[in-house]
PDB file of N, CA and C in Angstrom:
ATOM      1  N   MET A   1       0.533  11.132  -7.095  1.00  0.00           N
ATOM      2  CA  MET A   1      -0.398  10.571  -6.146  1.00  0.00           C
ATOM      3  C   MET A   1       0.064   9.197  -5.661  1.00  0.00           C
ATOM      4  N   ILE A   2       0.705   8.438  -6.538  1.00  0.00           N
ATOM      5  CA  ILE A   2       1.171   7.124  -6.112  1.00  0.00           C
ATOM      6  C   ILE A   2       2.457   7.263  -5.303  1.00  0.00           C
ATOM      7  N   LEU A   3       3.361   8.083  -5.794  1.00  0.00           N
ATOM      8  CA  LEU A   3       4.630   8.307  -5.111  1.00  0.00           C
ATOM      9  C   LEU A   3       4.634   9.680  -4.444  1.00  0.00           C
ATOM     10  N   PRO A   4       5.417   9.859  -3.403  1.00  0.00           N
ATOM     11  CA  PRO A   4       5.505  11.179  -2.761  1.00  0.00           C
ATOM     12  C   PRO A   4       6.150  12.197  -3.701  1.00  0.00           C
ATOM     13  N   THR A   5       5.762  13.439  -3.543  1.00  0.00           N
ATOM     14  CA  THR A   5       6.336  14.537  -4.319  1.00  0.00           C
ATOM     15  C   THR A   5       6.690  15.673  -3.367  1.00  0.00           C
ATOM     16  N   LYS A   6       7.064  16.796  -3.943  1.00  0.00           N
ATOM     17  CA  LYS A   6       7.373  17.973  -3.142  1.00  0.00           C
ATOM     18  C   LYS A   6       6.144  18.432  -2.355  1.00  0.00           C
ATOM     19  N   HIS A   7       4.948  18.218  -2.920  1.00  0.00           N
ATOM     20  CA  HIS A   7       3.721  18.688  -2.297  1.00  0.00           C
ATOM     21  C   HIS A   7       2.919  17.582  -1.611  1.00  0.00           C
ATOM     22  N   LEU A   8       3.380  16.354  -1.727  1.00  0.00           N
ATOM     23  CA  LEU A   8       2.662  15.206  -1.165  1.00  0.00           C
ATOM     24  C   LEU A   8       3.615  14.413  -0.282  1.00  0.00           C
ATOM     25  N   SER A   9       3.298  14.324   0.996  1.00  0.00           N
ATOM     26  CA  SER A   9       4.187  13.621   1.927  1.00  0.00           C
ATOM     27  C   SER A   9       4.144  12.113   1.662  1.00  0.00           C
ATOM     28  N   PRO A  10       5.169  11.391   2.081  1.00  0.00           N
ATOM     29  CA  PRO A  10       5.167   9.942   1.904  1.00  0.00           C
ATOM     30  C   PRO A  10       3.964   9.266   2.552  1.00  0.00           C
ATOM     31  N   ALA A  11       3.533   9.753   3.693  1.00  0.00           N
ATOM     32  CA  ALA A  11       2.387   9.145   4.376  1.00  0.00           C
ATOM     33  C   ALA A  11       1.088   9.350   3.607  1.00  0.00           C
ATOM     34  N   GLN A  12       0.981  10.421   2.844  1.00  0.00           N
ATOM     35  CA  GLN A  12      -0.232  10.716   2.092  1.00  0.00           C
ATOM     36  C   GLN A  12      -0.244  10.083   0.703  1.00  0.00           C
ATOM     37  N   SER A  13       0.895   9.597   0.222  1.00  0.00           N
ATOM     38  CA  SER A  13       0.951   8.973  -1.098  1.00  0.00           C
ATOM     39  C   SER A  13       0.339   7.573  -1.031  1.00  0.00           C
ATOM     40  N   LEU A  14      -0.011   7.028  -2.175  1.00  0.00           N
ATOM     41  CA  LEU A  14      -0.597   5.687  -2.183  1.00  0.00           C
ATOM     42  C   LEU A  14       0.404   4.630  -1.723  1.00  0.00           C
ATOM     43  N   ILE A  15       1.669   4.855  -1.977  1.00  0.00           N
ATOM     44  CA  ILE A  15       2.687   3.927  -1.473  1.00  0.00           C
ATOM     45  C   ILE A  15       2.693   3.947   0.055  1.00  0.00           C
ATOM     46  N   GLY A  16       2.574   5.118   0.634  1.00  0.00           N
ATOM     47  CA  GLY A  16       2.525   5.233   2.093  1.00  0.00           C
ATOM     48  C   GLY A  16       1.284   4.596   2.680  1.00  0.00           C
ATOM     49  N   VAL A  17       0.136   4.822   2.038  1.00  0.00           N
ATOM     50  CA  VAL A  17      -1.113   4.215   2.508  1.00  0.00           C
ATOM     51  C   VAL A  17      -1.039   2.700   2.352  1.00  0.00           C
ATOM     52  N   SER A  18      -0.437   2.229   1.266  1.00  0.00           N
ATOM     53  CA  SER A  18      -0.275   0.781   1.056  1.00  0.00           C
ATOM     54  C   SER A  18       0.582   0.167   2.158  1.00  0.00           C
ATOM     55  N   ALA A  19       1.652   0.851   2.531  1.00  0.00           N
ATOM     56  CA  ALA A  19       2.504   0.360   3.620  1.00  0.00           C
ATOM     57  C   ALA A  19       1.731   0.309   4.934  1.00  0.00           C
ATOM     58  N   LEU A  20       0.883   1.283   5.151  1.00  0.00           N
ATOM     59  CA  LEU A  20       0.052   1.310   6.348  1.00  0.00           C
ATOM     60  C   LEU A  20      -0.900   0.113   6.380  1.00  0.00           C
ATOM     61  N   LEU A  21      -1.476  -0.219   5.228  1.00  0.00           N
ATOM     62  CA  LEU A  21      -2.370  -1.377   5.156  1.00  0.00           C
ATOM     63  C   LEU A  21      -1.615  -2.672   5.431  1.00  0.00           C
ATOM     64  N   LEU A  22      -0.418  -2.777   4.875  1.00  0.00           N
ATOM     65  CA  LEU A  22       0.391  -3.977   5.137  1.00  0.00           C
ATOM     66  C   LEU A  22       0.716  -4.117   6.617  1.00  0.00           C
ATOM     67  N   LYS A  23       0.937  -3.000   7.273  1.00  0.00           N
ATOM     68  CA  LYS A  23       1.229  -3.017   8.711  1.00  0.00           C
ATOM     69  C   LYS A  23       0.067  -3.611   9.503  1.00  0.00           C
ATOM     70  N   HIS A  24      -1.150  -3.322   9.061  1.00  0.00           N
ATOM     71  CA  HIS A  24      -2.335  -3.825   9.760  1.00  0.00           C
ATOM     72  C   HIS A  24      -2.654  -5.277   9.409  1.00  0.00           C
ATOM     73  N   LEU A  25      -2.050  -5.807   8.356  1.00  0.00           N
ATOM     74  CA  LEU A  25      -2.326  -7.183   7.948  1.00  0.00           C
ATOM     75  C   LEU A  25      -1.377  -8.168   8.620  1.00  0.00           C
ATOM     76  N   ASP A  26      -1.326  -8.135   9.934  1.00  0.00           N
ATOM     77  CA  ASP A  26      -0.469  -9.078  10.651  1.00  0.00           C
ATOM     78  C   ASP A  26      -1.096 -10.466  10.687  1.00  0.00           C
ATOM     79  N   ALA A  27      -2.377 -10.560  10.396  1.00  0.00           N
ATOM     80  CA  ALA A  27      -3.099 -11.830  10.285  1.00  0.00           C
ATOM     81  C   ALA A  27      -4.078 -11.695   9.122  1.00  0.00           C
ATOM     82  N   PRO A  28      -4.425 -12.803   8.470  1.00  0.00           N
ATOM     83  CA  PRO A  28      -5.392 -12.720   7.368  1.00  0.00           C
ATOM     84  C   PRO A  28      -6.717 -12.119   7.842  1.00  0.00           C
ATOM     85  N   MET A  29      -7.291 -11.240   7.010  1.00  0.00           N
ATOM     86  CA  MET A  29      -8.586 -10.647   7.335  1.00  0.00           C
ATOM     87  C   MET A  29      -9.321 -10.300   6.050  1.00  0.00           C
ATOM     88  N   THR A  30     -10.614 -10.138   6.174  1.00  0.00           N
ATOM     89  CA  THR A  30     -11.423  -9.775   5.014  1.00  0.00           C
ATOM     90  C   THR A  30     -11.189  -8.301   4.675  1.00  0.00           C
ATOM     91  N   VAL A  31     -11.646  -7.920   3.480  1.00  0.00           N
ATOM     92  CA  VAL A  31     -11.525  -6.524   3.071  1.00  0.00           C
ATOM     93  C   VAL A  31     -12.283  -5.631   4.047  1.00  0.00           C
ATOM     94  N   ASN A  32     -13.465  -6.070   4.461  1.00  0.00           N
ATOM     95  CA  ASN A  32     -14.271  -5.285   5.396  1.00  0.00           C
ATOM     96  C   ASN A  32     -13.560  -5.114   6.741  1.00  0.00           C
ATOM     97  N   GLN A  33     -12.954  -6.164   7.239  1.00  0.00           N
ATOM     98  CA  GLN A  33     -12.228  -6.068   8.506  1.00  0.00           C
ATOM     99  C   GLN A  33     -11.052  -5.102   8.394  1.00  0.00           C
ATOM    100  N   LEU A  34     -10.325  -5.179   7.281  1.00  0.00           N
ATOM    101  CA  LEU A  34      -9.191  -4.272   7.079  1.00  0.00           C
ATOM    102  C   LEU A  34      -9.677  -2.826   6.965  1.00  0.00           C
ATOM    103  N   TRP A  35     -10.795  -2.608   6.286  1.00  0.00           N
ATOM    104  CA  TRP A  35     -11.350  -1.262   6.170  1.00  0.00           C
ATOM    105  C   TRP A  35     -11.733  -0.709   7.542  1.00  0.00           C
ATOM    106  N   GLU A  36     -12.333  -1.532   8.373  1.00  0.00           N
ATOM    107  CA  GLU A  36     -12.738  -1.066   9.705  1.00  0.00           C
ATOM    108  C   GLU A  36     -11.528  -0.633  10.530  1.00  0.00           C
ATOM    109  N   VAL A  37     -10.410  -1.301  10.354  1.00  0.00           N
ATOM    110  CA  VAL A  37      -9.182  -0.927  11.076  1.00  0.00           C
ATOM    111  C   VAL A  37      -8.548   0.306  10.435  1.00  0.00           C
ATOM    112  N   ALA A  38      -8.461   0.320   9.103  1.00  0.00           N
ATOM    113  CA  ALA A  38      -7.734   1.373   8.395  1.00  0.00           C
ATOM    114  C   ALA A  38      -8.481   2.695   8.330  1.00  0.00           C
ATOM    115  N   ARG A  39      -9.794   2.680   8.411  1.00  0.00           N
ATOM    116  CA  ARG A  39     -10.563   3.922   8.264  1.00  0.00           C
ATOM    117  C   ARG A  39     -10.271   4.913   9.384  1.00  0.00           C
ATOM    118  N   ARG A  40      -9.714   4.450  10.486  1.00  0.00           N
ATOM    119  CA  ARG A  40      -9.372   5.334  11.603  1.00  0.00           C
ATOM    120  C   ARG A  40      -8.096   6.131  11.340  1.00  0.00           C
ATOM    121  N   GLU A  41      -7.318   5.687  10.352  1.00  0.00           N
ATOM    122  CA  GLU A  41      -6.048   6.347  10.024  1.00  0.00           C
ATOM    123  C   GLU A  41      -6.310   7.581   9.163  1.00  0.00           C
ATOM    124  N   ALA A  42      -5.710   8.700   9.527  1.00  0.00           N
ATOM    125  CA  ALA A  42      -5.920   9.946   8.785  1.00  0.00           C
ATOM    126  C   ALA A  42      -5.397   9.861   7.357  1.00  0.00           C
ATOM    127  N   ALA A  43      -4.325   9.110   7.129  1.00  0.00           N
ATOM    128  CA  ALA A  43      -3.741   9.007   5.792  1.00  0.00           C
ATOM    129  C   ALA A  43      -4.668   8.277   4.820  1.00  0.00           C
ATOM    130  N   VAL A  44      -5.446   7.333   5.316  1.00  0.00           N
ATOM    131  CA  VAL A  44      -6.356   6.590   4.447  1.00  0.00           C
ATOM    132  C   VAL A  44      -7.496   7.498   4.005  1.00  0.00           C
ATOM    133  N   ALA A  45      -8.102   8.196   4.911  1.00  0.00           N
ATOM    134  CA  ALA A  45      -9.116   9.231   4.677  1.00  0.00           C
ATOM    135  C   ALA A  45     -10.406   8.742   4.026  1.00  0.00           C
ATOM    136  N   THR A  46     -10.343   8.127   2.858  1.00  0.00           N
ATOM    137  CA  THR A  46     -11.576   7.733   2.165  1.00  0.00           C
ATOM    138  C   THR A  46     -11.492   6.287   1.703  1.00  0.00           C
ATOM    139  N   PHE A  47     -12.659   5.723   1.406  1.00  0.00           N
ATOM    140  CA  PHE A  47     -12.709   4.358   0.892  1.00  0.00           C
ATOM    141  C   PHE A  47     -12.044   4.280  -0.481  1.00  0.00           C
ATOM    142  N   ASP A  48     -12.132   5.342  -1.271  1.00  0.00           N
ATOM    143  CA  ASP A  48     -11.480   5.357  -2.589  1.00  0.00           C
ATOM    144  C   ASP A  48      -9.972   5.194  -2.462  1.00  0.00           C
ATOM    145  N   ARG A  49      -9.364   5.923  -1.528  1.00  0.00           N
ATOM    146  CA  ARG A  49      -7.912   5.793  -1.325  1.00  0.00           C
ATOM    147  C   ARG A  49      -7.562   4.412  -0.799  1.00  0.00           C
ATOM    148  N   PHE A  50      -8.421   3.851   0.042  1.00  0.00           N
ATOM    149  CA  PHE A  50      -8.225   2.505   0.562  1.00  0.00           C
ATOM    150  C   PHE A  50      -8.193   1.494  -0.589  1.00  0.00           C
ATOM    151  N   VAL A  51      -9.156   1.589  -1.490  1.00  0.00           N
ATOM    152  CA  VAL A  51      -9.229   0.658  -2.624  1.00  0.00           C
ATOM    153  C   VAL A  51      -8.043   0.854  -3.563  1.00  0.00           C
ATOM    154  N   LEU A  52      -7.656   2.099  -3.822  1.00  0.00           N
ATOM    155  CA  LEU A  52      -6.498   2.349  -4.667  1.00  0.00           C
ATOM    156  C   LEU A  52      -5.223   1.767  -4.054  1.00  0.00           C
ATOM    157  N   ALA A  53      -5.082   1.888  -2.748  1.00  0.00           N
ATOM    158  CA  ALA A  53      -3.914   1.319  -2.074  1.00  0.00           C
ATOM    159  C   ALA A  53      -3.924  -0.206  -2.172  1.00  0.00           C
ATOM    160  N   LEU A  54      -5.095  -0.818  -2.045  1.00  0.00           N
ATOM    161  CA  LEU A  54      -5.190  -2.271  -2.224  1.00  0.00           C
ATOM    162  C   LEU A  54      -4.815  -2.655  -3.649  1.00  0.00           C
ATOM    163  N   ASP A  55      -5.253  -1.871  -4.622  1.00  0.00           N
ATOM    164  CA  ASP A  55      -4.896  -2.125  -6.018  1.00  0.00           C
ATOM    165  C   ASP A  55      -3.382  -2.092  -6.213  1.00  0.00           C
ATOM    166  N   VAL A  56      -2.735  -1.100  -5.616  1.00  0.00           N
ATOM    167  CA  VAL A  56      -1.272  -0.998  -5.713  1.00  0.00           C
ATOM    168  C   VAL A  56      -0.622  -2.248  -5.130  1.00  0.00           C
ATOM    169  N   LEU A  57      -1.109  -2.703  -3.984  1.00  0.00           N
ATOM    170  CA  LEU A  57      -0.534  -3.891  -3.346  1.00  0.00           C
ATOM    171  C   LEU A  57      -0.720  -5.140  -4.199  1.00  0.00           C
ATOM    172  N   PHE A  58      -1.888  -5.275  -4.829  1.00  0.00           N
ATOM    173  CA  PHE A  58      -2.101  -6.411  -5.722  1.00  0.00           C
ATOM    174  C   PHE A  58      -1.208  -6.324  -6.951  1.00  0.00           C
ATOM    175  N   LEU A  59      -1.063  -5.124  -7.509  1.00  0.00           N
ATOM    176  CA  LEU A  59      -0.250  -4.946  -8.712  1.00  0.00           C
ATOM    177  C   LEU A  59       1.218  -5.272  -8.488  1.00  0.00           C
ATOM    178  N   VAL A  60       1.741  -4.943  -7.333  1.00  0.00           N
ATOM    179  CA  VAL A  60       3.158  -5.234  -7.063  1.00  0.00           C
ATOM    180  C   VAL A  60       3.361  -6.630  -6.489  1.00  0.00           C
ATOM    181  N   GLY A  61       2.271  -7.374  -6.306  1.00  0.00           N
ATOM    182  CA  GLY A  61       2.380  -8.751  -5.828  1.00  0.00           C
ATOM    183  C   GLY A  61       2.601  -8.883  -4.335  1.00  0.00           C
ATOM    184  N   ALA A  62       2.258  -7.864  -3.569  1.00  0.00           N
ATOM    185  CA  ALA A  62       2.473  -7.896  -2.124  1.00  0.00           C
ATOM    186  C   ALA A  62       1.288  -8.467  -1.363  1.00  0.00           C
ATOM    187  N   LEU A  63       0.174  -8.689  -2.060  1.00  0.00           N
ATOM    188  CA  LEU A  63      -1.063  -9.099  -1.403  1.00  0.00           C
ATOM    189  C   LEU A  63      -1.705 -10.253  -2.167  1.00  0.00           C
ATOM    190  N   ASP A  64      -2.272 -11.190  -1.429  1.00  0.00           N
ATOM    191  CA  ASP A  64      -3.016 -12.308  -2.004  1.00  0.00           C
ATOM    192  C   ASP A  64      -4.410 -12.327  -1.415  1.00  0.00           C
ATOM    193  N   LEU A  65      -5.350 -12.842  -2.194  1.00  0.00           N
ATOM    194  CA  LEU A  65      -6.717 -13.039  -1.720  1.00  0.00           C
ATOM    195  C   LEU A  65      -7.017 -14.523  -1.830  1.00  0.00           C
ATOM    196  N   ALA A  66      -7.264 -15.167  -0.698  1.00  0.00           N
ATOM    197  CA  ALA A  66      -7.560 -16.597  -0.683  1.00  0.00           C
ATOM    198  C   ALA A  66      -8.704 -16.861   0.281  1.00  0.00           C
ATOM    199  N   HIS A  67      -9.725 -17.521  -0.209  1.00  0.00           N
ATOM    200  CA  HIS A  67     -10.888 -17.875   0.607  1.00  0.00           C
ATOM    201  C   HIS A  67     -11.536 -16.650   1.242  1.00  0.00           C
ATOM    202  N   GLY A  68     -11.555 -15.535   0.487  1.00  0.00           N
ATOM    203  CA  GLY A  68     -12.202 -14.320   0.984  1.00  0.00           C
ATOM    204  C   GLY A  68     -11.383 -13.512   1.967  1.00  0.00           C
ATOM    205  N   GLU A  69     -10.128 -13.889   2.184  1.00  0.00           N
ATOM    206  CA  GLU A  69      -9.286 -13.172   3.143  1.00  0.00           C
ATOM    207  C   GLU A  69      -8.030 -12.633   2.448  1.00  0.00           C
ATOM    208  N   LEU A  70      -7.656 -11.425   2.825  1.00  0.00           N
ATOM    209  CA  LEU A  70      -6.414 -10.825   2.342  1.00  0.00           C
ATOM    210  C   LEU A  70      -5.255 -11.350   3.172  1.00  0.00           C
ATOM    211  N   ARG A  71      -4.159 -11.631   2.487  1.00  0.00           N
ATOM    212  CA  ARG A  71      -2.947 -12.107   3.157  1.00  0.00           C
ATOM    213  C   ARG A  71      -1.743 -11.432   2.522  1.00  0.00           C
ATOM    214  N   VAL A  72      -0.726 -11.201   3.301  1.00  0.00           N
ATOM    215  CA  VAL A  72       0.531 -10.698   2.764  1.00  0.00           C
ATOM    216  C   VAL A  72       1.160 -11.825   1.952  1.00  0.00           C
ATOM    217  N   ALA A  73       1.544 -11.526   0.718  1.00  0.00           N
ATOM    218  CA  ALA A  73       2.138 -12.543  -0.163  1.00  0.00           C
ATOM    219  C   ALA A  73       3.470 -12.998   0.398  1.00  0.00           C
ATOM    220  N   SER A  74       3.735 -14.260   0.211  1.00  0.00           N
ATOM    221  CA  SER A  74       5.012 -14.790   0.719  1.00  0.00           C
ATOM    222  C   SER A  74       6.012 -15.002  -0.373  1.00  0.00           C
TER     223      SER A  74
END
């Protein structure tokens, strides 16, 4: 589920969804703002997958939360 497999395309894996979220974070935004943008993407599909993808990004150090806004880690 985290990585693509023979039965799970890269876009449907959590790594793929995480990359999609990073693409939308061209400017700092709140979790709610990011959800409103990402929910239109078929790969995200549910709020659960959205939260899991955010968890992956935090775990690998690709995302920061400062003053209530998500930012791509530098």
